[in-house]
Each structure stands twice: as C-alpha cells, then as structure tokens.
PDB file of N, CA and C in Angstrom:
ATOM      1  N   MET A   1      13.986  20.868 -30.681  1.00  0.00           N
ATOM      2  CA  MET A   1      14.748  20.273 -29.026  1.00  0.00           C
ATOM      3  C   MET A   1      14.278  19.193 -28.694  1.00  0.00           C
ATOM      4  N   GLU A   2      14.399  18.006 -27.939  1.00  0.00           N
ATOM      5  CA  GLU A   2      13.556  17.403 -27.243  1.00  0.00           C
ATOM      6  C   GLU A   2      13.263  17.896 -26.062  1.00  0.00           C
ATOM      7  N   SER A   3      12.228  17.764 -25.615  1.00  0.00           N
ATOM      8  CA  SER A   3      11.792  18.341 -24.412  1.00  0.00           C
ATOM      9  C   SER A   3      11.945  17.238 -23.666  1.00  0.00           C
ATOM     10  N   VAL A   4      11.846  17.745 -21.621  1.00  0.00           N
ATOM     11  CA  VAL A   4      12.441  16.756 -20.796  1.00  0.00           C
ATOM     12  C   VAL A   4      11.782  15.859 -20.576  1.00  0.00           C
ATOM     13  N   ILE A   5      10.684  15.968 -21.030  1.00  0.00           N
ATOM     14  CA  ILE A   5       9.982  14.140 -20.978  1.00  0.00           C
ATOM     15  C   ILE A   5       9.337  14.047 -21.347  1.00  0.00           C
ATOM     16  N   ASP A   6       9.895  14.100 -23.472  1.00  0.00           N
ATOM     17  CA  ASP A   6      10.231  13.381 -24.347  1.00  0.00           C
ATOM     18  C   ASP A   6      11.247  12.609 -24.107  1.00  0.00           C
ATOM     19  N   GLY A   7      12.797  13.270 -23.638  1.00  0.00           N
ATOM     20  CA  GLY A   7      13.825  12.505 -22.956  1.00  0.00           C
ATOM     21  C   GLY A   7      13.682  11.725 -22.439  1.00  0.00           C
ATOM     22  N   ILE A   8      12.930  12.368 -20.840  1.00  0.00           N
ATOM     23  CA  ILE A   8      12.977  10.954 -19.831  1.00  0.00           C
ATOM     24  C   ILE A   8      12.063   9.561 -20.616  1.00  0.00           C
ATOM     25  N   MET A   9      10.743   9.565 -21.525  1.00  0.00           N
ATOM     26  CA  MET A   9      10.008   8.894 -22.244  1.00  0.00           C
ATOM     27  C   MET A   9      10.818   7.799 -23.002  1.00  0.00           C
ATOM     28  N   ASN A  10      11.725   8.548 -23.317  1.00  0.00           N
ATOM     29  CA  ASN A  10      12.778   7.517 -24.186  1.00  0.00           C
ATOM     30  C   ASN A  10      13.955   7.004 -23.553  1.00  0.00           C
ATOM     31  N   TRP A  11      13.946   7.382 -22.403  1.00  0.00           N
ATOM     32  CA  TRP A  11      14.983   6.471 -21.551  1.00  0.00           C
ATOM     33  C   TRP A  11      14.192   5.220 -20.996  1.00  0.00           C
ATOM     34  N   PHE A  12      13.420   5.535 -20.843  1.00  0.00           N
ATOM     35  CA  PHE A  12      12.652   3.994 -19.772  1.00  0.00           C
ATOM     36  C   PHE A  12      12.028   3.588 -21.151  1.00  0.00           C
ATOM     37  N   PHE A  13      11.921   4.075 -22.320  1.00  0.00           N
ATOM     38  CA  PHE A  13      11.121   3.264 -23.416  1.00  0.00           C
ATOM     39  C   PHE A  13      11.918   3.462 -24.769  1.00  0.00           C
ATOM     40  N   PRO A  14      13.062   3.228 -24.936  1.00  0.00           N
ATOM     41  CA  PRO A  14      13.874   3.743 -26.075  1.00  0.00           C
ATOM     42  C   PRO A  14      12.694   2.808 -27.296  1.00  0.00           C
ATOM     43  N   ASN A  15      12.089   2.085 -27.130  1.00  0.00           N
ATOM     44  CA  ASN A  15      11.288   1.773 -28.493  1.00  0.00           C
ATOM     45  C   ASN A  15      10.042   2.335 -28.516  1.00  0.00           C
ATOM     46  N   GLY A  16       9.068   3.207 -27.522  1.00  0.00           N
ATOM     47  CA  GLY A  16       8.252   3.460 -27.405  1.00  0.00           C
ATOM     48  C   GLY A  16       7.271   2.884 -26.544  1.00  0.00           C
ATOM     49  N   ILE A  17       6.849   3.130 -25.875  1.00  0.00           N
ATOM     50  CA  ILE A  17       5.550   2.605 -25.194  1.00  0.00           C
ATOM     51  C   ILE A  17       3.816   2.441 -26.110  1.00  0.00           C
ATOM     52  N   ASN A  18       3.321   0.565 -25.753  1.00  0.00           N
ATOM     53  CA  ASN A  18       2.092   0.756 -26.260  1.00  0.00           C
ATOM     54  C   ASN A  18       0.893   1.478 -24.736  1.00  0.00           C
ATOM     55  N   THR A  19      -0.310   1.186 -25.315  1.00  0.00           N
ATOM     56  CA  THR A  19      -1.174   1.346 -24.620  1.00  0.00           C
ATOM     57  C   THR A  19      -1.644   0.561 -23.220  1.00  0.00           C
ATOM     58  N   GLY A  20      -1.346  -1.086 -23.278  1.00  0.00           N
ATOM     59  CA  GLY A  20      -1.174  -1.646 -22.061  1.00  0.00           C
ATOM     60  C   GLY A  20      -0.488  -1.112 -21.540  1.00  0.00           C
ATOM     61  N   GLU A  21       0.704  -1.280 -21.998  1.00  0.00           N
ATOM     62  CA  GLU A  21       2.599  -0.700 -21.006  1.00  0.00           C
ATOM     63  C   GLU A  21       2.268   0.222 -20.426  1.00  0.00           C
ATOM     64  N   ALA A  22       1.331   1.330 -21.013  1.00  0.00           N
ATOM     65  CA  ALA A  22       0.879   2.745 -20.392  1.00  0.00           C
ATOM     66  C   ALA A  22       0.258   2.598 -19.082  1.00  0.00           C
ATOM     67  N   ILE A  23      -1.092   1.892 -19.737  1.00  0.00           N
ATOM     68  CA  ILE A  23      -1.954   1.405 -18.456  1.00  0.00           C
ATOM     69  C   ILE A  23      -1.349   0.855 -17.070  1.00  0.00           C
ATOM     70  N   LEU A  24      -0.234   0.006 -17.750  1.00  0.00           N
ATOM     71  CA  LEU A  24       0.419  -1.041 -16.417  1.00  0.00           C
ATOM     72  C   LEU A  24       1.367  -0.057 -15.685  1.00  0.00           C
ATOM     73  N   LEU A  25       1.799   0.661 -16.608  1.00  0.00           N
ATOM     74  CA  LEU A  25       2.013   1.419 -15.621  1.00  0.00           C
ATOM     75  C   LEU A  25       2.179   2.504 -14.944  1.00  0.00           C
ATOM     76  N   ILE A  26       0.835   3.137 -15.227  1.00  0.00           N
ATOM     77  CA  ILE A  26       0.070   3.603 -14.409  1.00  0.00           C
ATOM     78  C   ILE A  26      -0.747   3.542 -13.028  1.00  0.00           C
ATOM     79  N   VAL A  27      -0.958   1.722 -13.198  1.00  0.00           N
ATOM     80  CA  VAL A  27      -1.070   1.152 -12.030  1.00  0.00           C
ATOM     81  C   VAL A  27      -0.530   0.648 -11.207  1.00  0.00           C
ATOM     82  N   GLY A  28       1.060   0.996 -11.906  1.00  0.00           N
ATOM     83  CA  GLY A  28       2.114   0.642 -10.905  1.00  0.00           C
ATOM     84  C   GLY A  28       2.537   1.829  -9.997  1.00  0.00           C
ATOM     85  N   LEU A  29       2.107   3.225 -10.896  1.00  0.00           N
ATOM     86  CA  LEU A  29       2.643   4.016 -10.105  1.00  0.00           C
ATOM     87  C   LEU A  29       1.531   4.626  -9.097  1.00  0.00           C
ATOM     88  N   VAL A  30       0.247   4.533  -9.461  1.00  0.00           N
ATOM     89  CA  VAL A  30      -0.995   4.580  -8.843  1.00  0.00           C
ATOM     90  C   VAL A  30      -0.594   3.857  -7.719  1.00  0.00           C
ATOM     91  N   ALA A  31      -0.466   2.412  -7.507  1.00  0.00           N
ATOM     92  CA  ALA A  31      -0.006   0.842  -6.213  1.00  0.00           C
ATOM     93  C   ALA A  31       1.167   1.962  -5.441  1.00  0.00           C
ATOM     94  N   GLN A  32       1.554   2.075  -5.744  1.00  0.00           N
ATOM     95  CA  GLN A  32       3.155   3.159  -5.047  1.00  0.00           C
ATOM     96  C   GLN A  32       2.814   4.005  -4.348  1.00  0.00           C
ATOM     97  N   ALA A  33       2.429   4.894  -4.978  1.00  0.00           N
ATOM     98  CA  ALA A  33       2.139   6.057  -4.708  1.00  0.00           C
ATOM     99  C   ALA A  33       0.757   6.035  -2.652  1.00  0.00           C
ATOM    100  N   MET A  34       0.386   4.619  -3.324  1.00  0.00           N
ATOM    101  CA  MET A  34      -1.039   4.343  -2.251  1.00  0.00           C
ATOM    102  C   MET A  34       0.019   3.738  -1.062  1.00  0.00           C
ATOM    103  N   PHE A  35       0.796   3.190  -1.248  1.00  0.00           N
ATOM    104  CA  PHE A  35       2.062   2.210  -0.620  1.00  0.00           C
ATOM    105  C   PHE A  35       2.919   3.289   0.471  1.00  0.00           C
ATOM    106  N   SER A  36       2.655   4.165  -0.562  1.00  0.00           N
ATOM    107  CA  SER A  36       3.654   5.262   0.293  1.00  0.00           C
ATOM    108  C   SER A  36       2.981   6.105   1.086  1.00  0.00           C
ATOM    109  N   ALA A  37       1.910   6.412   0.761  1.00  0.00           N
ATOM    110  CA  ALA A  37       0.756   7.451   1.719  1.00  0.00           C
ATOM    111  C   ALA A  37       0.895   7.078   3.028  1.00  0.00           C
ATOM    112  N   ARG A  38       0.990   5.570   2.820  1.00  0.00           N
ATOM    113  CA  ARG A  38       0.430   4.935   4.475  1.00  0.00           C
ATOM    114  C   ARG A  38       1.996   5.364   5.352  1.00  0.00           C
ATOM    115  N   PHE A  39       3.209   5.707   5.100  1.00  0.00           N
ATOM    116  CA  PHE A  39       3.746   6.513   5.995  1.00  0.00           C
ATOM    117  C   PHE A  39       3.722   7.681   6.190  1.00  0.00           C
ATOM    118  N   LEU A  40       3.360   8.959   5.449  1.00  0.00           N
ATOM    119  CA  LEU A  40       2.640  10.393   6.120  1.00  0.00           C
ATOM    120  C   LEU A  40       1.648  10.536   6.825  1.00  0.00           C
ATOM    121  N   VAL A  41       0.701   9.258   6.388  1.00  0.00           N
ATOM    122  CA  VAL A  41      -0.574   9.448   7.283  1.00  0.00           C
ATOM    123  C   VAL A  41      -0.055   8.639   8.797  1.00  0.00           C
ATOM    124  N   GLN A  42       1.320   8.124   8.740  1.00  0.00           N
ATOM    125  CA  GLN A  42       1.797   7.731  10.140  1.00  0.00           C
ATOM    126  C   GLN A  42       2.003   8.571  10.619  1.00  0.00           C
ATOM    127  N   TRP A  43       3.201   9.258   9.924  1.00  0.00           N
ATOM    128  CA  TRP A  43       3.962  10.480  10.335  1.00  0.00           C
ATOM    129  C   TRP A  43       2.797  11.545  10.697  1.00  0.00           C
ATOM    130  N   VAL A  44       2.637  12.286   9.997  1.00  0.00           N
ATOM    131  CA  VAL A  44       1.607  13.700  10.732  1.00  0.00           C
ATOM    132  C   VAL A  44       0.444  12.681  11.982  1.00  0.00           C
ATOM    133  N   VAL A  45      -0.100  11.260  11.817  1.00  0.00           N
ATOM    134  CA  VAL A  45      -0.740  10.817  12.813  1.00  0.00           C
ATOM    135  C   VAL A  45       0.449  11.042  14.506  1.00  0.00           C
ATOM    136  N   SER A  46       1.274  10.334  14.387  1.00  0.00           N
ATOM    137  CA  SER A  46       2.710  10.785  15.063  1.00  0.00           C
ATOM    138  C   SER A  46       2.731  11.799  15.902  1.00  0.00           C
ATOM    139  N   GLU A  47       2.957  12.845  14.695  1.00  0.00           N
ATOM    140  CA  GLU A  47       3.003  13.984  15.086  1.00  0.00           C
ATOM    141  C   GLU A  47       2.217  14.871  15.759  1.00  0.00           C
ATOM    142  N   LYS A  48       1.119  14.850  15.400  1.00  0.00           N
ATOM    143  CA  LYS A  48       0.057  15.274  16.489  1.00  0.00           C
ATOM    144  C   LYS A  48      -0.316  14.741  17.970  1.00  0.00           C
ATOM    145  N   LYS A  49       0.262  12.969  17.388  1.00  0.00           N
ATOM    146  CA  LYS A  49       0.074  12.578  19.159  1.00  0.00           C
ATOM    147  C   LYS A  49       1.492  12.438  19.867  1.00  0.00           C
ATOM    148  N   ARG A  50       2.490  14.061  19.241  1.00  0.00           N
ATOM    149  CA  ARG A  50       3.794  13.610  19.798  1.00  0.00           C
ATOM    150  C   ARG A  50       4.189  12.151  20.521  1.00  0.00           C
ATOM    151  N   GLU A  51       3.541  11.130  19.938  1.00  0.00           N
ATOM    152  CA  GLU A  51       4.334   9.709  20.174  1.00  0.00           C
ATOM    153  C   GLU A  51       4.228   9.232  19.164  1.00  0.00           C
ATOM    154  N   SER A  52       5.145   7.411  18.353  1.00  0.00           N
ATOM    155  CA  SER A  52       5.099   7.220  17.748  1.00  0.00           C
ATOM    156  C   SER A  52       3.445   6.336  17.734  1.00  0.00           C
ATOM    157  N   VAL A  53       2.674   6.131  16.614  1.00  0.00           N
ATOM    158  CA  VAL A  53       1.358   5.583  16.228  1.00  0.00           C
ATOM    159  C   VAL A  53       1.186   5.596  14.887  1.00  0.00           C
ATOM    160  N   ILE A  54       0.573   3.921  15.132  1.00  0.00           N
ATOM    161  CA  ILE A  54      -0.102   3.767  13.905  1.00  0.00           C
ATOM    162  C   ILE A  54      -0.832   3.829  13.743  1.00  0.00           C
ATOM    163  N   PRO A  55      -1.654   4.087  13.194  1.00  0.00           N
ATOM    164  CA  PRO A  55      -3.463   4.727  12.596  1.00  0.00           C
ATOM    165  C   PRO A  55      -3.950   3.173  11.732  1.00  0.00           C
ATOM    166  N   LEU A  56      -5.149   2.975  12.143  1.00  0.00           N
ATOM    167  CA  LEU A  56      -5.676   1.726  11.464  1.00  0.00           C
ATOM    168  C   LEU A  56      -5.844   2.427   9.907  1.00  0.00           C
ATOM    169  N   ALA A  57      -5.101   3.349   9.208  1.00  0.00           N
ATOM    170  CA  ALA A  57      -5.508   3.782   7.954  1.00  0.00           C
ATOM    171  C   ALA A  57      -4.353   3.671   7.245  1.00  0.00           C
ATOM    172  N   PHE A  58      -2.147   3.525   8.199  1.00  0.00           N
ATOM    173  CA  PHE A  58      -1.139   3.140   7.517  1.00  0.00           C
ATOM    174  C   PHE A  58      -2.533   1.291   7.750  1.00  0.00           C
ATOM    175  N   TRP A  59      -2.990   0.891   8.137  1.00  0.00           N
ATOM    176  CA  TRP A  59      -2.885  -0.867   7.577  1.00  0.00           C
ATOM    177  C   TRP A  59      -3.313  -0.996   6.248  1.00  0.00           C
ATOM    178  N   TYR A  60      -4.740   0.243   6.590  1.00  0.00           N
ATOM    179  CA  TYR A  60      -5.867  -0.063   5.014  1.00  0.00           C
ATOM    180  C   TYR A  60      -4.977   0.187   3.519  1.00  0.00           C
ATOM    181  N   LEU A  61      -4.711   1.536   3.852  1.00  0.00           N
ATOM    182  CA  LEU A  61      -3.044   1.577   2.225  1.00  0.00           C
ATOM    183  C   LEU A  61      -2.034   0.748   2.694  1.00  0.00           C
ATOM    184  N   SER A  62      -1.721   0.228   3.652  1.00  0.00           N
ATOM    185  CA  SER A  62      -0.832  -1.672   3.625  1.00  0.00           C
ATOM    186  C   SER A  62      -1.686  -1.872   2.736  1.00  0.00           C
ATOM    187  N   LEU A  63      -2.759  -2.253   3.266  1.00  0.00           N
ATOM    188  CA  LEU A  63      -3.159  -3.865   1.908  1.00  0.00           C
ATOM    189  C   LEU A  63      -3.731  -3.228   0.990  1.00  0.00           C
ATOM    190  N   ALA A  64      -4.841  -1.883   0.761  1.00  0.00           N
ATOM    191  CA  ALA A  64      -4.800  -1.747   0.002  1.00  0.00           C
ATOM    192  C   ALA A  64      -3.736  -1.538  -1.382  1.00  0.00           C
ATOM    193  N   GLY A  65      -1.943  -0.761  -1.115  1.00  0.00           N
ATOM    194  CA  GLY A  65      -0.786  -0.869  -2.002  1.00  0.00           C
ATOM    195  C   GLY A  65      -0.381  -1.821  -1.867  1.00  0.00           C
ATOM    196  N   GLY A  66      -0.514  -2.945  -1.264  1.00  0.00           N
ATOM    197  CA  GLY A  66       0.355  -4.044  -1.631  1.00  0.00           C
ATOM    198  C   GLY A  66      -0.625  -4.469  -2.407  1.00  0.00           C
ATOM    199  N   LEU A  67      -2.109  -4.726  -2.333  1.00  0.00           N
ATOM    200  CA  LEU A  67      -2.854  -5.215  -3.235  1.00  0.00           C
ATOM    201  C   LEU A  67      -2.247  -5.520  -5.057  1.00  0.00           C
ATOM    202  N   MET A  68      -2.664  -4.284  -4.675  1.00  0.00           N
ATOM    203  CA  MET A  68      -2.308  -3.386  -6.690  1.00  0.00           C
ATOM    204  C   MET A  68      -0.871  -3.607  -6.559  1.00  0.00           C
ATOM    205  N   LEU A  69       0.348  -3.450  -5.611  1.00  0.00           N
ATOM    206  CA  LEU A  69       1.435  -3.872  -6.405  1.00  0.00           C
ATOM    207  C   LEU A  69       1.472  -5.336  -6.607  1.00  0.00           C
ATOM    208  N   PHE A  70       0.707  -6.278  -5.492  1.00  0.00           N
ATOM    209  CA  PHE A  70       1.204  -8.241  -6.202  1.00  0.00           C
ATOM    210  C   PHE A  70      -0.109  -7.988  -7.147  1.00  0.00           C
ATOM    211  N   CYS A  71      -0.833  -7.151  -7.543  1.00  0.00           N
ATOM    212  CA  CYS A  71      -1.051  -7.319  -9.220  1.00  0.00           C
ATOM    213  C   CYS A  71      -0.566  -7.021  -9.884  1.00  0.00           C
ATOM    214  N   TYR A  72      -0.217  -5.983  -9.662  1.00  0.00           N
ATOM    215  CA  TYR A  72       0.838  -5.405 -10.770  1.00  0.00           C
ATOM    216  C   TYR A  72       1.979  -6.483 -11.357  1.00  0.00           C
ATOM    217  N   ALA A  73       2.775  -6.640 -10.149  1.00  0.00           N
ATOM    218  CA  ALA A  73       3.471  -8.012 -10.330  1.00  0.00           C
ATOM    219  C   ALA A  73       2.889  -9.213 -10.659  1.00  0.00           C
ATOM    220  N   VAL A  74       2.274  -9.726 -10.710  1.00  0.00           N
ATOM    221  CA  VAL A  74       1.379 -10.788 -11.586  1.00  0.00           C
ATOM    222  C   VAL A  74       1.222  -9.797 -13.119  1.00  0.00           C
ATOM    223  N   MET A  75       0.694  -9.231 -13.043  1.00  0.00           N
ATOM    224  CA  MET A  75       0.699  -8.390 -14.526  1.00  0.00           C
ATOM    225  C   MET A  75       2.484  -8.663 -15.749  1.00  0.00           C
ATOM    226  N   ARG A  76       3.141  -8.092 -14.556  1.00  0.00           N
ATOM    227  CA  ARG A  76       5.028  -8.027 -15.356  1.00  0.00           C
ATOM    228  C   ARG A  76       5.606  -9.548 -15.017  1.00  0.00           C
ATOM    229  N   LYS A  77       4.597 -10.439 -14.321  1.00  0.00           N
ATOM    230  CA  LYS A  77       5.414 -11.349 -14.262  1.00  0.00           C
ATOM    231  C   LYS A  77       7.119 -11.865 -13.505  1.00  0.00           C
ATOM    232  N   ASP A  78       6.584 -10.657 -12.580  1.00  0.00           N
ATOM    233  CA  ASP A  78       8.193 -10.353 -11.465  1.00  0.00           C
ATOM    234  C   ASP A  78       7.751 -10.985 -10.073  1.00  0.00           C
ATOM    235  N   PRO A  79       8.155 -12.487  -9.666  1.00  0.00           N
ATOM    236  CA  PRO A  79       8.046 -13.426  -9.137  1.00  0.00           C
ATOM    237  C   PRO A  79       8.730 -12.383  -7.297  1.00  0.00           C
ATOM    238  N   VAL A  80       9.770 -11.881  -7.807  1.00  0.00           N
ATOM    239  CA  VAL A  80      10.342 -11.542  -6.643  1.00  0.00           C
ATOM    240  C   VAL A  80       9.252 -10.350  -5.798  1.00  0.00           C
ATOM    241  N   ILE A  81       8.502  -9.452  -6.569  1.00  0.00           N
ATOM    242  CA  ILE A  81       7.880  -8.414  -6.035  1.00  0.00           C
ATOM    243  C   ILE A  81       6.674  -9.050  -5.737  1.00  0.00           C
ATOM    244  N   MET A  82       6.550  -9.790  -6.503  1.00  0.00           N
ATOM    245  CA  MET A  82       4.563 -11.656  -5.844  1.00  0.00           C
ATOM    246  C   MET A  82       5.417 -11.566  -4.464  1.00  0.00           C
ATOM    247  N   LEU A  83       6.179 -12.208  -4.071  1.00  0.00           N
ATOM    248  CA  LEU A  83       6.836 -12.613  -3.522  1.00  0.00           C
ATOM    249  C   LEU A  83       7.208 -11.740  -1.861  1.00  0.00           C
ATOM    250  N   GLY A  84       7.381 -10.150  -1.850  1.00  0.00           N
ATOM    251  CA  GLY A  84       7.861  -9.768  -0.768  1.00  0.00           C
ATOM    252  C   GLY A  84       6.254  -9.061  -0.553  1.00  0.00           C
ATOM    253  N   GLN A  85       5.237  -8.941  -1.886  1.00  0.00           N
ATOM    254  CA  GLN A  85       4.369  -8.292  -1.608  1.00  0.00           C
ATOM    255  C   GLN A  85       3.129  -9.356  -0.802  1.00  0.00           C
ATOM    256  N   GLY A  86       3.188 -10.408  -1.121  1.00  0.00           N
ATOM    257  CA  GLY A  86       2.317 -11.590  -0.699  1.00  0.00           C
ATOM    258  C   GLY A  86       2.800 -12.038   0.747  1.00  0.00           C
ATOM    259  N   THR A  87       4.055 -11.555   1.159  1.00  0.00           N
ATOM    260  CA  THR A  87       3.953 -11.762   2.561  1.00  0.00           C
ATOM    261  C   THR A  87       3.725 -10.716   3.086  1.00  0.00           C
ATOM    262  N   GLY A  88       3.581  -9.215   2.632  1.00  0.00           N
ATOM    263  CA  GLY A  88       2.822  -8.118   3.388  1.00  0.00           C
ATOM    264  C   GLY A  88       1.418  -8.425   3.331  1.00  0.00           C
ATOM    265  N   ILE A  89       0.984  -8.740   2.258  1.00  0.00           N
ATOM    266  CA  ILE A  89      -0.824  -9.047   2.331  1.00  0.00           C
ATOM    267  C   ILE A  89      -0.789  -9.928   3.792  1.00  0.00           C
ATOM    268  N   PHE A  90       0.111 -10.493   3.785  1.00  0.00           N
ATOM    269  CA  PHE A  90      -0.490 -11.617   4.722  1.00  0.00           C
ATOM    270  C   PHE A  90      -0.704 -10.977   6.222  1.00  0.00           C
ATOM    271  N   ILE A  91       0.070 -10.504   6.437  1.00  0.00           N
ATOM    272  CA  ILE A  91       0.998  -9.417   7.838  1.00  0.00           C
ATOM    273  C   ILE A  91      -0.141  -8.502   8.081  1.00  0.00           C
ATOM    274  N   TYR A  92      -0.380  -7.794   7.059  1.00  0.00           N
ATOM    275  CA  TYR A  92      -1.889  -6.408   6.831  1.00  0.00           C
ATOM    276  C   TYR A  92      -3.262  -7.094   7.393  1.00  0.00           C
ATOM    277  N   THR A  93      -3.369  -7.981   6.667  1.00  0.00           N
ATOM    278  CA  THR A  93      -4.716  -8.561   6.744  1.00  0.00           C
ATOM    279  C   THR A  93      -4.521  -9.113   8.560  1.00  0.00           C
ATOM    280  N   ARG A  94      -3.921  -9.143   8.596  1.00  0.00           N
ATOM    281  CA  ARG A  94      -3.142 -10.767   9.502  1.00  0.00           C
ATOM    282  C   ARG A  94      -3.389  -9.440  11.578  1.00  0.00           C
ATOM    283  N   ASN A  95      -2.828  -8.424  10.820  1.00  0.00           N
ATOM    284  CA  ASN A  95      -2.969  -7.019  11.546  1.00  0.00           C
ATOM    285  C   ASN A  95      -4.089  -6.332  11.731  1.00  0.00           C
ATOM    286  N   LEU A  96      -4.965  -6.080  10.827  1.00  0.00           N
ATOM    287  CA  LEU A  96      -6.035  -5.756  10.939  1.00  0.00           C
ATOM    288  C   LEU A  96      -7.337  -6.147  11.337  1.00  0.00           C
ATOM    289  N   PHE A  97      -7.237  -7.836  11.791  1.00  0.00           N
ATOM    290  CA  PHE A  97      -7.973  -9.313  12.524  1.00  0.00           C
ATOM    291  C   PHE A  97      -7.803  -9.070  14.126  1.00  0.00           C
ATOM    292  N   LEU A  98      -6.567  -8.763  13.710  1.00  0.00           N
ATOM    293  CA  LEU A  98      -5.597  -8.951  15.747  1.00  0.00           C
ATOM    294  C   LEU A  98      -6.742  -7.111  15.967  1.00  0.00           C
ATOM    295  N   ILE A  99      -6.702  -6.617  15.515  1.00  0.00           N
ATOM    296  CA  ILE A  99      -7.299  -5.329  16.206  1.00  0.00           C
ATOM    297  C   ILE A  99      -8.386  -5.209  16.164  1.00  0.00           C
ATOM    298  N   PHE A 100      -9.489  -5.718  14.999  1.00  0.00           N
ATOM    299  CA  PHE A 100     -10.983  -5.723  15.062  1.00  0.00           C
ATOM    300  C   PHE A 100     -11.224  -6.731  15.794  1.00  0.00           C
ATOM    301  N   ARG A 101     -10.463  -7.926  16.709  1.00  0.00           N
ATOM    302  CA  ARG A 101     -10.883  -9.210  17.232  1.00  0.00           C
ATOM    303  C   ARG A 101     -11.127  -8.402  18.351  1.00  0.00           C
ATOM    304  N   LYS A 102      -9.880  -6.803  18.786  1.00  0.00           N
ATOM    305  CA  LYS A 102      -9.279  -6.375  20.418  1.00  0.00           C
ATOM    306  C   LYS A 102     -10.410  -5.332  20.236  1.00  0.00           C
ATOM    307  N   ARG A 103     -10.554  -4.953  19.476  1.00  0.00           N
ATOM    308  CA  ARG A 103     -12.402  -4.270  19.759  1.00  0.00           C
ATOM    309  C   ARG A 103     -13.408  -4.312  19.705  1.00  0.00           C
ATOM    310  N   ARG A 104     -13.389  -5.938  19.401  1.00  0.00           N
ATOM    311  CA  ARG A 104     -14.416  -6.720  19.555  1.00  0.00           C
ATOM    312  C   ARG A 104     -14.367  -7.044  21.291  1.00  0.00           C
ATOM    313  N   THR A 105     -13.763  -7.571  21.171  1.00  0.00           N
ATOM    314  CA  THR A 105     -13.648  -7.557  22.988  1.00  0.00           C
ATOM    315  C   THR A 105     -13.641  -6.333  23.684  1.00  0.00           C
ATOM    316  N   ASP A 106     -12.764  -5.640  23.769  1.00  0.00           N
ATOM    317  CA  ASP A 106     -13.027  -4.389  24.495  1.00  0.00           C
ATOM    318  C   ASP A 106     -14.457  -4.405  24.599  1.00  0.00           C
ATOM    319  N   ALA A 107     -14.797  -3.704  23.386  1.00  0.00           N
ATOM    320  CA  ALA A 107     -16.841  -3.754  23.518  1.00  0.00           C
ATOM    321  C   ALA A 107     -16.986  -4.493  24.748  1.00  0.00           C
ATOM    322  N   ALA A 108     -17.021  -5.808  23.859  1.00  0.00           N
ATOM    323  CA  ALA A 108     -17.917  -6.601  24.923  1.00  0.00           C
ATOM    324  C   ALA A 108     -17.560  -6.381  26.842  1.00  0.00           C
ATOM    325  N   GLU A 109     -16.205  -6.403  26.845  1.00  0.00           N
ATOM    326  CA  GLU A 109     -15.780  -5.905  28.004  1.00  0.00           C
ATOM    327  C   GLU A 109     -16.266  -4.589  28.859  1.00  0.00           C
ATOM    328  N   VAL A 110     -16.598  -3.421  28.011  1.00  0.00           N
ATOM    329  CA  VAL A 110     -17.057  -2.042  28.861  1.00  0.00           C
ATOM    330  C   VAL A 110     -18.701  -2.729  28.274  1.00  0.00           C
ATOM    331  N   ALA A 111     -19.377  -3.457  27.580  1.00  0.00           N
ATOM    332  CA  ALA A 111     -20.721  -3.936  27.699  1.00  0.00           C
ATOM    333  C   ALA A 111     -21.454  -4.649  29.071  1.00  0.00           C
ATOM    334  N   ALA A 112     -20.437  -5.779  29.080  1.00  0.00           N
ATOM    335  CA  ALA A 112     -20.770  -6.141  30.073  1.00  0.00           C
ATOM    336  C   ALA A 112     -21.145  -5.588  31.936  1.00  0.00           C
ATOM    337  N   PRO A 113     -21.586  -6.985  32.369  1.00  0.00           N
ATOM    338  CA  PRO A 113     -21.838  -5.274  33.820  1.00  0.00           C
ATOM    339  C   PRO A 113     -20.656  -6.202  35.047  1.00  0.00           C
ATOM    340  N   PRO A 114     -20.183  -5.384  35.884  1.00  0.00           N
ATOM    341  CA  PRO A 114     -19.558  -5.461  36.557  1.00  0.00           C
ATOM    342  C   PRO A 114     -19.539  -6.761  37.443  1.00  0.00           C
ATOM    343  N   THR A 115     -18.969  -7.542  37.787  1.00  0.00           N
ATOM    344  CA  THR A 115     -19.015  -8.342  38.546  1.00  0.00           C
ATOM    345  C   THR A 115     -18.102  -8.587  39.901  1.00  0.00           C
TER     346      THR A 115
END
C-alpha cells in the first residue's frame, strides 16, 4: 500500500523528481515560509500593542522572502513571479530606506540643542 507522502509526491511529480528539482523546491518552500512569516510577526506585534503596527522585522522578512522568491522565479523561468516579486523588492527596499532616513533625522533633532 502506498503511503500518503508517496501519493502526494507522485501526484506532484508523476515522473519522479531529481536532486536539482528537489533543491529548487526546498528553496521555494523556505522562501515562501519566510515571506509568510512577516504576517505572523505583524500580527503578534499588533496584538501586543493592541493596535495595527508594522514592525521593522516585517520589512526585513518581506525583503528577504521577496529576494528568495525572485531567485526561485528566475530558476523556474517564471516571469509572473519575477514581475510580482521584483515590484515588491523595490517597495520593501524603499520602505526600509524611508524608515532609516526618518530615524537618522529624528536622532539629529534630538542631538541638536534647542534654539
């Protein structure tokens, strides 16, 4: 009798799976897990603060997961995922830039003596 895992693997890969495909599958799954973890982080922080919050970790996970998914898309030669993740990567990077620029400005204002 075929195990459940064997049945699932045969359904996804009726002709079997080679090492390269298995590695690519693992990269894609890890990338998707990282990308999805950002919502868990955002939810936990928001629950603790009792208001909707987007923590810095959300943007880092978005960028890391997006970059990994973009690489996965390139290896799969999937232009749809490349376009979607490429756009996201730009947005996540820009948000991180804006966050750090504001922190730098706020730090300079605190350090400057009042006039």
